Amino acid sequence: MFLICLMLCRQATSDDALIAVASNFADVATQLRITFELGSEHTIRLSQGSTGSLYAQILNGAPYDLFLAADQDRPRLLEKAGASPPGKRFVYAVGKLVFWSAKFDSSKMKALEILQRGDFRTLAIANPDLAPYGLAAEQTLQALEQWDRLKSRLVFGQNIGQAHAMVATGNADYGFVALSSVQSERNRLSHEYWEVPQDMYSPIRQEAVLLRHGSDNKAAVAFHEFLQSTAAKEMILAAGFGVE
């Protein structure tokens, strides 16, 4: 009888939340979910995809409770559209851009020399029109006064994950990719990279937004709060992102 009562009490106080996560943050979100669930009665389910695709799903009624986007624009638009209660957005991570190759040395001095010489076949970046990391790569090349000269060598991924895959598989010689991808245990192939100074590109601020569907969901509200905790921020920093 005691066990039955305990189970009923747990069901009464716990919730299950469905969270939409931008692909570039999916690995970190999984680790955060595990840590959160260890200290909570709640359960978190993650659904990953591109920020644009998840945004469209939310507008079309997908039952997500919380959205971890790869930019600030989509969370702001969701709030404006009434899909999120006011004041429920915050920057949970700041992306960092690196110049990297899976085959060649791409440390700082080498990176600048490589870009100036331009003696390579292809340079992968995310599409600047679709992805914040792509825009950051374009801005970096412009800051180095290499954009016009190297445009013909560029190959574009639809997102930063595709750009990373091009370099990792050798289909591109070099690329501007996310530091978090290079540091990931799942993807790690080489420690040699150049972390681009953040004054060369606009900050890649990624916002989390509690959606109206999840505003009364205890699990979603608790995870939204957990993301702002010191413990979560330490995990995000260790994964190769910045925090504010």
C-alpha atoms as a PDB file:
ATOM      1  CA  MET A   1       0.000   0.000   0.000  1.00  0.00           C
ATOM      2  CA  PHE A   2       2.837   2.380   0.881  1.00  0.00           C
ATOM      3  CA  LEU A   3       4.473   1.817  -2.536  1.00  0.00           C
ATOM      4  CA  ILE A   4       1.184   2.480  -4.318  1.00  0.00           C
ATOM      5  CA  CYS A   5       0.736   5.736  -2.399  1.00  0.00           C
ATOM      6  CA  LEU A   6       4.309   6.739  -3.182  1.00  0.00           C
ATOM      7  CA  MET A   7       3.771   6.111  -6.882  1.00  0.00           C
ATOM      8  CA  LEU A   8       0.516   8.083  -6.864  1.00  0.00           C
ATOM      9  CA  CYS A   9       2.181  11.008  -5.068  1.00  0.00           C
ATOM     10  CA  ARG A  10       5.041  10.985  -7.556  1.00  0.00           C
ATOM     11  CA  GLN A  11       2.605  11.012 -10.483  1.00  0.00           C
ATOM     12  CA  ALA A  12       0.765  13.911  -8.903  1.00  0.00           C
ATOM     13  CA  THR A  13       3.912  16.042  -8.514  1.00  0.00           C
ATOM     14  CA  SER A  14       5.924  15.070 -11.601  1.00  0.00           C
ATOM     15  CA  ASP A  15       5.541  16.090 -15.217  1.00  0.00           C
ATOM     16  CA  ASP A  16       6.977  15.112 -18.571  1.00  0.00           C
ATOM     17  CA  ALA A  17       8.224  17.898 -20.847  1.00  0.00           C
ATOM     18  CA  LEU A  18       8.991  17.823 -24.571  1.00  0.00           C
ATOM     19  CA  ILE A  19      11.814  20.179 -25.487  1.00  0.00           C
ATOM     20  CA  ALA A  20      12.811  21.302 -28.988  1.00  0.00           C
ATOM     21  CA  VAL A  21      16.598  21.634 -29.268  1.00  0.00           C
ATOM     22  CA  ALA A  22      18.718  23.150 -32.029  1.00  0.00           C
ATOM     23  CA  SER A  23      20.996  20.469 -33.508  1.00  0.00           C
ATOM     24  CA  ASN A  24      24.197  22.274 -32.549  1.00  0.00           C
ATOM     25  CA  PHE A  25      23.248  22.007 -28.859  1.00  0.00           C
ATOM     26  CA  ALA A  26      21.783  18.481 -28.874  1.00  0.00           C
ATOM     27  CA  ASP A  27      24.766  16.700 -27.260  1.00  0.00           C
ATOM     28  CA  VAL A  28      24.985  19.216 -24.430  1.00  0.00           C
ATOM     29  CA  ALA A  29      21.225  19.146 -23.942  1.00  0.00           C
ATOM     30  CA  THR A  30      21.394  15.377 -23.463  1.00  0.00           C
ATOM     31  CA  GLN A  31      23.980  15.754 -20.689  1.00  0.00           C
ATOM     32  CA  LEU A  32      21.935  18.529 -19.089  1.00  0.00           C
ATOM     33  CA  ARG A  33      18.823  16.341 -19.230  1.00  0.00           C
ATOM     34  CA  ILE A  34      20.603  13.497 -17.450  1.00  0.00           C
ATOM     35  CA  THR A  35      21.898  15.786 -14.701  1.00  0.00           C
ATOM     36  CA  PHE A  36      18.505  17.441 -14.292  1.00  0.00           C
ATOM     37  CA  GLU A  37      16.615  14.159 -14.042  1.00  0.00           C
ATOM     38  CA  LEU A  38      19.021  12.817 -11.408  1.00  0.00           C
ATOM     39  CA  GLY A  39      17.942  15.606  -9.079  1.00  0.00           C
ATOM     40  CA  SER A  40      14.299  15.892 -10.075  1.00  0.00           C
ATOM     41  CA  GLU A  41      11.104  13.881 -10.163  1.00  0.00           C
ATOM     42  CA  HIS A  42      10.436  15.201 -13.675  1.00  0.00           C
ATOM     43  CA  THR A  43      11.175  13.622 -17.057  1.00  0.00           C
ATOM     44  CA  ILE A  44      12.548  15.440 -20.101  1.00  0.00           C
ATOM     45  CA  ARG A  45      12.261  14.359 -23.730  1.00  0.00           C
ATOM     46  CA  LEU A  46      14.359  16.032 -26.421  1.00  0.00           C
ATOM     47  CA  SER A  47      13.537  16.564 -30.087  1.00  0.00           C
ATOM     48  CA  GLN A  48      16.390  17.984 -32.155  1.00  0.00           C
ATOM     49  CA  GLY A  49      16.383  19.724 -35.520  1.00  0.00           C
ATOM     50  CA  SER A  50      17.338  22.940 -37.240  1.00  0.00           C
ATOM     51  CA  THR A  51      16.146  26.104 -35.539  1.00  0.00           C
ATOM     52  CA  GLY A  52      14.141  27.110 -38.610  1.00  0.00           C
ATOM     53  CA  SER A  53      12.398  23.746 -38.844  1.00  0.00           C
ATOM     54  CA  LEU A  54      11.558  23.610 -35.129  1.00  0.00           C
ATOM     55  CA  TYR A  55      10.290  27.186 -35.245  1.00  0.00           C
ATOM     56  CA  ALA A  56       7.941  26.295 -38.112  1.00  0.00           C
ATOM     57  CA  GLN A  57       6.701  23.236 -36.220  1.00  0.00           C
ATOM     58  CA  ILE A  58       5.921  25.345 -33.156  1.00  0.00           C
ATOM     59  CA  LEU A  59       3.969  27.875 -35.225  1.00  0.00           C
ATOM     60  CA  ASN A  60       2.020  24.969 -36.719  1.00  0.00           C
ATOM     61  CA  GLY A  61       1.011  23.680 -33.291  1.00  0.00           C
ATOM     62  CA  ALA A  62       3.705  21.141 -32.378  1.00  0.00           C
ATOM     63  CA  PRO A  63       3.301  20.400 -28.631  1.00  0.00           C
ATOM     64  CA  TYR A  64       6.748  21.547 -27.490  1.00  0.00           C
ATOM     65  CA  ASP A  65       7.031  22.973 -23.984  1.00  0.00           C
ATOM     66  CA  LEU A  66      10.421  24.676 -24.279  1.00  0.00           C
ATOM     67  CA  PHE A  67      12.576  25.724 -27.236  1.00  0.00           C
ATOM     68  CA  LEU A  68      16.383  25.925 -27.190  1.00  0.00           C
ATOM     69  CA  ALA A  69      17.129  27.838 -30.389  1.00  0.00           C
ATOM     70  CA  ALA A  70      20.436  28.535 -32.126  1.00  0.00           C
ATOM     71  CA  ASP A  71      19.643  32.232 -32.409  1.00  0.00           C
ATOM     72  CA  GLN A  72      17.690  35.038 -30.769  1.00  0.00           C
ATOM     73  CA  ASP A  73      15.422  35.872 -33.688  1.00  0.00           C
ATOM     74  CA  ARG A  74      13.072  32.890 -33.578  1.00  0.00           C
ATOM     75  CA  PRO A  75      12.394  33.068 -29.804  1.00  0.00           C
ATOM     76  CA  ARG A  76      11.630  36.785 -30.186  1.00  0.00           C
ATOM     77  CA  LEU A  77       9.264  36.075 -33.061  1.00  0.00           C
ATOM     78  CA  LEU A  78       7.517  33.363 -31.060  1.00  0.00           C
ATOM     79  CA  GLU A  79       6.998  35.758 -28.186  1.00  0.00           C
ATOM     80  CA  LYS A  80       5.675  38.377 -30.602  1.00  0.00           C
ATOM     81  CA  ALA A  81       3.299  35.829 -32.120  1.00  0.00           C
ATOM     82  CA  GLY A  82       1.938  34.925 -28.682  1.00  0.00           C
ATOM     83  CA  ALA A  83       3.428  31.413 -28.699  1.00  0.00           C
ATOM     84  CA  SER A  84       5.404  32.280 -25.571  1.00  0.00           C
ATOM     85  CA  PRO A  85       4.435  34.233 -22.459  1.00  0.00           C
ATOM     86  CA  PRO A  86       6.266  37.576 -22.190  1.00  0.00           C
ATOM     87  CA  GLY A  87       9.571  37.632 -20.326  1.00  0.00           C
ATOM     88  CA  LYS A  88      10.365  33.921 -20.664  1.00  0.00           C
ATOM     89  CA  ARG A  89      13.393  34.262 -22.987  1.00  0.00           C
ATOM     90  CA  PHE A  90      17.049  34.265 -21.948  1.00  0.00           C
ATOM     91  CA  VAL A  91      20.469  33.583 -23.513  1.00  0.00           C
ATOM     92  CA  TYR A  92      21.497  30.096 -22.416  1.00  0.00           C
ATOM     93  CA  ALA A  93      24.660  29.770 -24.552  1.00  0.00           C
ATOM     94  CA  VAL A  94      26.972  31.797 -26.768  1.00  0.00           C
ATOM     95  CA  GLY A  95      28.482  29.978 -29.733  1.00  0.00           C
ATOM     96  CA  LYS A  96      32.201  30.126 -30.491  1.00  0.00           C
ATOM     97  CA  LEU A  97      33.656  29.890 -33.997  1.00  0.00           C
ATOM     98  CA  VAL A  98      36.873  28.049 -34.864  1.00  0.00           C
ATOM     99  CA  PHE A  99      38.930  27.455 -37.993  1.00  0.00           C
ATOM    100  CA  TRP A 100      39.615  23.728 -38.215  1.00  0.00           C
ATOM    101  CA  SER A 101      40.798  20.829 -40.339  1.00  0.00           C
ATOM    102  CA  ALA A 102      40.620  17.112 -39.637  1.00  0.00           C
ATOM    103  CA  LYS A 103      43.816  16.501 -41.619  1.00  0.00           C
ATOM    104  CA  PHE A 104      46.054  19.542 -41.394  1.00  0.00           C
ATOM    105  CA  ASP A 105      47.447  21.809 -38.711  1.00  0.00           C
ATOM    106  CA  SER A 106      45.051  24.715 -38.289  1.00  0.00           C
ATOM    107  CA  SER A 107      46.411  26.352 -35.140  1.00  0.00           C
ATOM    108  CA  LYS A 108      46.466  30.126 -34.941  1.00  0.00           C
ATOM    109  CA  MET A 109      49.620  31.023 -36.869  1.00  0.00           C
ATOM    110  CA  LYS A 110      48.967  28.333 -39.451  1.00  0.00           C
ATOM    111  CA  ALA A 111      45.346  29.422 -39.877  1.00  0.00           C
ATOM    112  CA  LEU A 112      46.219  32.994 -40.749  1.00  0.00           C
ATOM    113  CA  GLU A 113      48.935  31.826 -43.127  1.00  0.00           C
ATOM    114  CA  ILE A 114      46.612  29.283 -44.781  1.00  0.00           C
ATOM    115  CA  LEU A 115      43.850  31.832 -45.345  1.00  0.00           C
ATOM    116  CA  GLN A 116      46.266  34.406 -46.735  1.00  0.00           C
ATOM    117  CA  ARG A 117      47.947  31.926 -49.079  1.00  0.00           C
ATOM    118  CA  GLY A 118      44.669  30.347 -50.163  1.00  0.00           C
ATOM    119  CA  ASP A 119      46.397  27.203 -51.483  1.00  0.00           C
ATOM    120  CA  PHE A 120      43.546  24.819 -50.694  1.00  0.00           C
ATOM    121  CA  ARG A 121      40.610  23.461 -52.651  1.00  0.00           C
ATOM    122  CA  THR A 122      37.631  24.123 -50.422  1.00  0.00           C
ATOM    123  CA  LEU A 123      36.640  25.941 -47.259  1.00  0.00           C
ATOM    124  CA  ALA A 124      33.379  24.874 -45.589  1.00  0.00           C
ATOM    125  CA  ILE A 125      31.063  27.254 -43.781  1.00  0.00           C
ATOM    126  CA  ALA A 126      27.392  27.170 -42.831  1.00  0.00           C
ATOM    127  CA  ASN A 127      25.087  29.104 -45.150  1.00  0.00           C
ATOM    128  CA  PRO A 128      25.305  32.741 -43.969  1.00  0.00           C
ATOM    129  CA  ASP A 129      21.691  33.343 -45.003  1.00  0.00           C
ATOM    130  CA  LEU A 130      20.396  30.527 -42.798  1.00  0.00           C
ATOM    131  CA  ALA A 131      22.814  29.938 -39.939  1.00  0.00           C
ATOM    132  CA  PRO A 132      24.339  32.270 -37.320  1.00  0.00           C
ATOM    133  CA  TYR A 133      27.665  30.420 -37.547  1.00  0.00           C
ATOM    134  CA  GLY A 134      27.706  30.970 -41.306  1.00  0.00           C
ATOM    135  CA  LEU A 135      27.204  34.693 -40.867  1.00  0.00           C
ATOM    136  CA  ALA A 136      29.985  34.683 -38.268  1.00  0.00           C
ATOM    137  CA  ALA A 137      32.315  32.935 -40.745  1.00  0.00           C
ATOM    138  CA  GLU A 138      31.495  35.500 -43.438  1.00  0.00           C
ATOM    139  CA  GLN A 139      32.142  38.347 -41.016  1.00  0.00           C
ATOM    140  CA  THR A 140      35.455  36.776 -39.997  1.00  0.00           C
ATOM    141  CA  LEU A 141      36.639  36.482 -43.591  1.00  0.00           C
ATOM    142  CA  GLN A 142      35.595  40.077 -44.189  1.00  0.00           C
ATOM    143  CA  ALA A 143      37.515  41.189 -41.093  1.00  0.00           C
ATOM    144  CA  LEU A 144      40.582  39.369 -42.467  1.00  0.00           C
ATOM    145  CA  GLU A 145      39.955  40.964 -45.894  1.00  0.00           C
ATOM    146  CA  GLN A 146      39.719  37.510 -47.491  1.00  0.00           C
ATOM    147  CA  TRP A 147      35.989  37.198 -48.278  1.00  0.00           C
ATOM    148  CA  ASP A 148      36.065  38.396 -51.893  1.00  0.00           C
ATOM    149  CA  ARG A 149      39.240  36.464 -52.673  1.00  0.00           C
ATOM    150  CA  LEU A 150      38.056  33.148 -51.183  1.00  0.00           C
ATOM    151  CA  LYS A 151      34.353  33.162 -52.136  1.00  0.00           C
ATOM    152  CA  SER A 152      34.982  30.798 -55.048  1.00  0.00           C
ATOM    153  CA  ARG A 153      36.505  28.197 -52.666  1.00  0.00           C
ATOM    154  CA  LEU A 154      33.572  28.127 -50.284  1.00  0.00           C
ATOM    155  CA  VAL A 155      31.232  25.157 -49.873  1.00  0.00           C
ATOM    156  CA  PHE A 156      28.094  25.661 -47.809  1.00  0.00           C
ATOM    157  CA  GLY A 157      26.321  23.483 -45.287  1.00  0.00           C
ATOM    158  CA  GLN A 158      22.682  24.182 -44.506  1.00  0.00           C
ATOM    159  CA  ASN A 159      23.713  24.372 -40.851  1.00  0.00           C
ATOM    160  CA  ILE A 160      26.887  24.249 -38.777  1.00  0.00           C
ATOM    161  CA  GLY A 161      26.586  20.478 -38.344  1.00  0.00           C
ATOM    162  CA  GLN A 162      26.769  19.947 -42.104  1.00  0.00           C
ATOM    163  CA  ALA A 163      29.756  22.277 -42.373  1.00  0.00           C
ATOM    164  CA  HIS A 164      31.530  20.280 -39.674  1.00  0.00           C
ATOM    165  CA  ALA A 165      30.721  16.998 -41.445  1.00  0.00           C
ATOM    166  CA  MET A 166      32.257  18.267 -44.701  1.00  0.00           C
ATOM    167  CA  VAL A 167      35.545  18.935 -42.935  1.00  0.00           C
ATOM    168  CA  ALA A 168      35.459  15.780 -40.794  1.00  0.00           C
ATOM    169  CA  THR A 169      34.988  13.556 -43.852  1.00  0.00           C
ATOM    170  CA  GLY A 170      37.658  15.335 -45.919  1.00  0.00           C
ATOM    171  CA  ASN A 171      35.171  16.688 -48.444  1.00  0.00           C
ATOM    172  CA  ALA A 172      36.432  20.136 -47.483  1.00  0.00           C
ATOM    173  CA  ASP A 173      40.050  20.900 -46.614  1.00  0.00           C
ATOM    174  CA  TYR A 174      39.245  23.435 -43.924  1.00  0.00           C
ATOM    175  CA  GLY A 175      36.190  24.976 -42.341  1.00  0.00           C
ATOM    176  CA  PHE A 176      34.801  27.478 -39.918  1.00  0.00           C
ATOM    177  CA  VAL A 177      32.889  25.313 -37.450  1.00  0.00           C
ATOM    178  CA  ALA A 178      31.602  25.381 -33.875  1.00  0.00           C
ATOM    179  CA  LEU A 179      34.088  24.944 -31.040  1.00  0.00           C
ATOM    180  CA  SER A 180      31.550  22.700 -29.326  1.00  0.00           C
ATOM    181  CA  SER A 181      31.624  20.287 -32.296  1.00  0.00           C
ATOM    182  CA  VAL A 182      35.422  20.110 -32.364  1.00  0.00           C
ATOM    183  CA  GLN A 183      35.554  19.459 -28.604  1.00  0.00           C
ATOM    184  CA  SER A 184      32.757  16.875 -28.631  1.00  0.00           C
ATOM    185  CA  GLU A 185      33.900  13.381 -27.631  1.00  0.00           C
ATOM    186  CA  ARG A 186      31.675  11.973 -30.368  1.00  0.00           C
ATOM    187  CA  ASN A 187      33.233  14.126 -33.116  1.00  0.00           C
ATOM    188  CA  ARG A 188      36.748  14.768 -31.877  1.00  0.00           C
ATOM    189  CA  LEU A 189      39.359  14.015 -34.567  1.00  0.00           C
ATOM    190  CA  SER A 190      41.987  16.683 -34.007  1.00  0.00           C
ATOM    191  CA  HIS A 191      42.949  19.111 -31.271  1.00  0.00           C
ATOM    192  CA  GLU A 192      44.441  21.625 -33.716  1.00  0.00           C
ATOM    193  CA  TYR A 193      42.201  24.610 -34.326  1.00  0.00           C
ATOM    194  CA  TRP A 194      42.168  28.386 -34.165  1.00  0.00           C
ATOM    195  CA  GLU A 195      39.491  29.946 -31.995  1.00  0.00           C
ATOM    196  CA  VAL A 196      38.431  33.078 -33.849  1.00  0.00           C
ATOM    197  CA  PRO A 197      38.514  36.213 -31.673  1.00  0.00           C
ATOM    198  CA  GLN A 198      34.935  37.128 -30.880  1.00  0.00           C
ATOM    199  CA  ASP A 199      35.446  40.751 -31.903  1.00  0.00           C
ATOM    200  CA  MET A 200      35.655  39.515 -35.521  1.00  0.00           C
ATOM    201  CA  TYR A 201      31.994  38.482 -35.666  1.00  0.00           C
ATOM    202  CA  SER A 202      28.635  39.281 -34.147  1.00  0.00           C
ATOM    203  CA  PRO A 203      27.939  37.283 -30.963  1.00  0.00           C
ATOM    204  CA  ILE A 204      26.174  33.984 -31.598  1.00  0.00           C
ATOM    205  CA  ARG A 205      23.647  34.246 -28.793  1.00  0.00           C
ATOM    206  CA  GLN A 206      21.315  31.275 -28.414  1.00  0.00           C
ATOM    207  CA  GLU A 207      18.053  31.831 -26.569  1.00  0.00           C
ATOM    208  CA  ALA A 208      15.822  29.479 -24.651  1.00  0.00           C
ATOM    209  CA  VAL A 209      12.140  30.304 -24.515  1.00  0.00           C
ATOM    210  CA  LEU A 210       9.387  28.746 -22.429  1.00  0.00           C
ATOM    211  CA  LEU A 211       6.456  28.170 -24.761  1.00  0.00           C
ATOM    212  CA  ARG A 212       2.821  28.790 -23.915  1.00  0.00           C
ATOM    213  CA  HIS A 213       2.133  25.054 -24.245  1.00  0.00           C
ATOM    214  CA  GLY A 214       4.587  24.419 -21.408  1.00  0.00           C
ATOM    215  CA  SER A 215       3.871  27.409 -19.200  1.00  0.00           C
ATOM    216  CA  ASP A 216       1.869  25.227 -16.758  1.00  0.00           C
ATOM    217  CA  ASN A 217       4.126  22.185 -17.151  1.00  0.00           C
ATOM    218  CA  LYS A 218       6.145  21.725 -13.964  1.00  0.00           C
ATOM    219  CA  ALA A 219       8.917  19.831 -15.765  1.00  0.00           C
ATOM    220  CA  ALA A 220       9.317  22.504 -18.432  1.00  0.00           C
ATOM    221  CA  VAL A 221       9.308  25.332 -15.883  1.00  0.00           C
ATOM    222  CA  ALA A 222      11.853  23.498 -13.718  1.00  0.00           C
ATOM    223  CA  PHE A 223      14.182  22.749 -16.639  1.00  0.00           C
ATOM    224  CA  HIS A 224      13.870  26.378 -17.803  1.00  0.00           C
ATOM    225  CA  GLU A 225      15.072  27.417 -14.330  1.00  0.00           C
ATOM    226  CA  PHE A 226      17.772  24.726 -14.234  1.00  0.00           C
ATOM    227  CA  LEU A 227      19.342  26.069 -17.444  1.00  0.00           C
ATOM    228  CA  GLN A 228      19.999  29.333 -15.603  1.00  0.00           C
ATOM    229  CA  SER A 229      21.715  27.620 -12.663  1.00  0.00           C
ATOM    230  CA  THR A 230      25.442  27.662 -11.925  1.00  0.00           C
ATOM    231  CA  ALA A 231      25.647  23.885 -12.443  1.00  0.00           C
ATOM    232  CA  ALA A 232      24.121  24.106 -15.929  1.00  0.00           C
ATOM    233  CA  LYS A 233      26.309  27.038 -16.905  1.00  0.00           C
ATOM    234  CA  GLU A 234      29.433  25.126 -15.877  1.00  0.00           C
ATOM    235  CA  MET A 235      28.406  22.210 -18.096  1.00  0.00           C
ATOM    236  CA  ILE A 236      27.693  24.552 -21.012  1.00  0.00           C
ATOM    237  CA  LEU A 237      31.095  26.250 -20.613  1.00  0.00           C
ATOM    238  CA  ALA A 238      32.855  22.879 -20.498  1.00  0.00           C
ATOM    239  CA  ALA A 239      31.160  21.895 -23.753  1.00  0.00           C
ATOM    240  CA  GLY A 240      32.735  24.766 -25.700  1.00  0.00           C
ATOM    241  CA  PHE A 241      30.070  27.462 -25.431  1.00  0.00           C
ATOM    242  CA  GLY A 242      30.123  30.787 -23.655  1.00  0.00           C
ATOM    243  CA  VAL A 243      27.491  31.938 -21.164  1.00  0.00           C
ATOM    244  CA  GLU A 244      26.187  35.345 -20.097  1.00  0.00           C
END
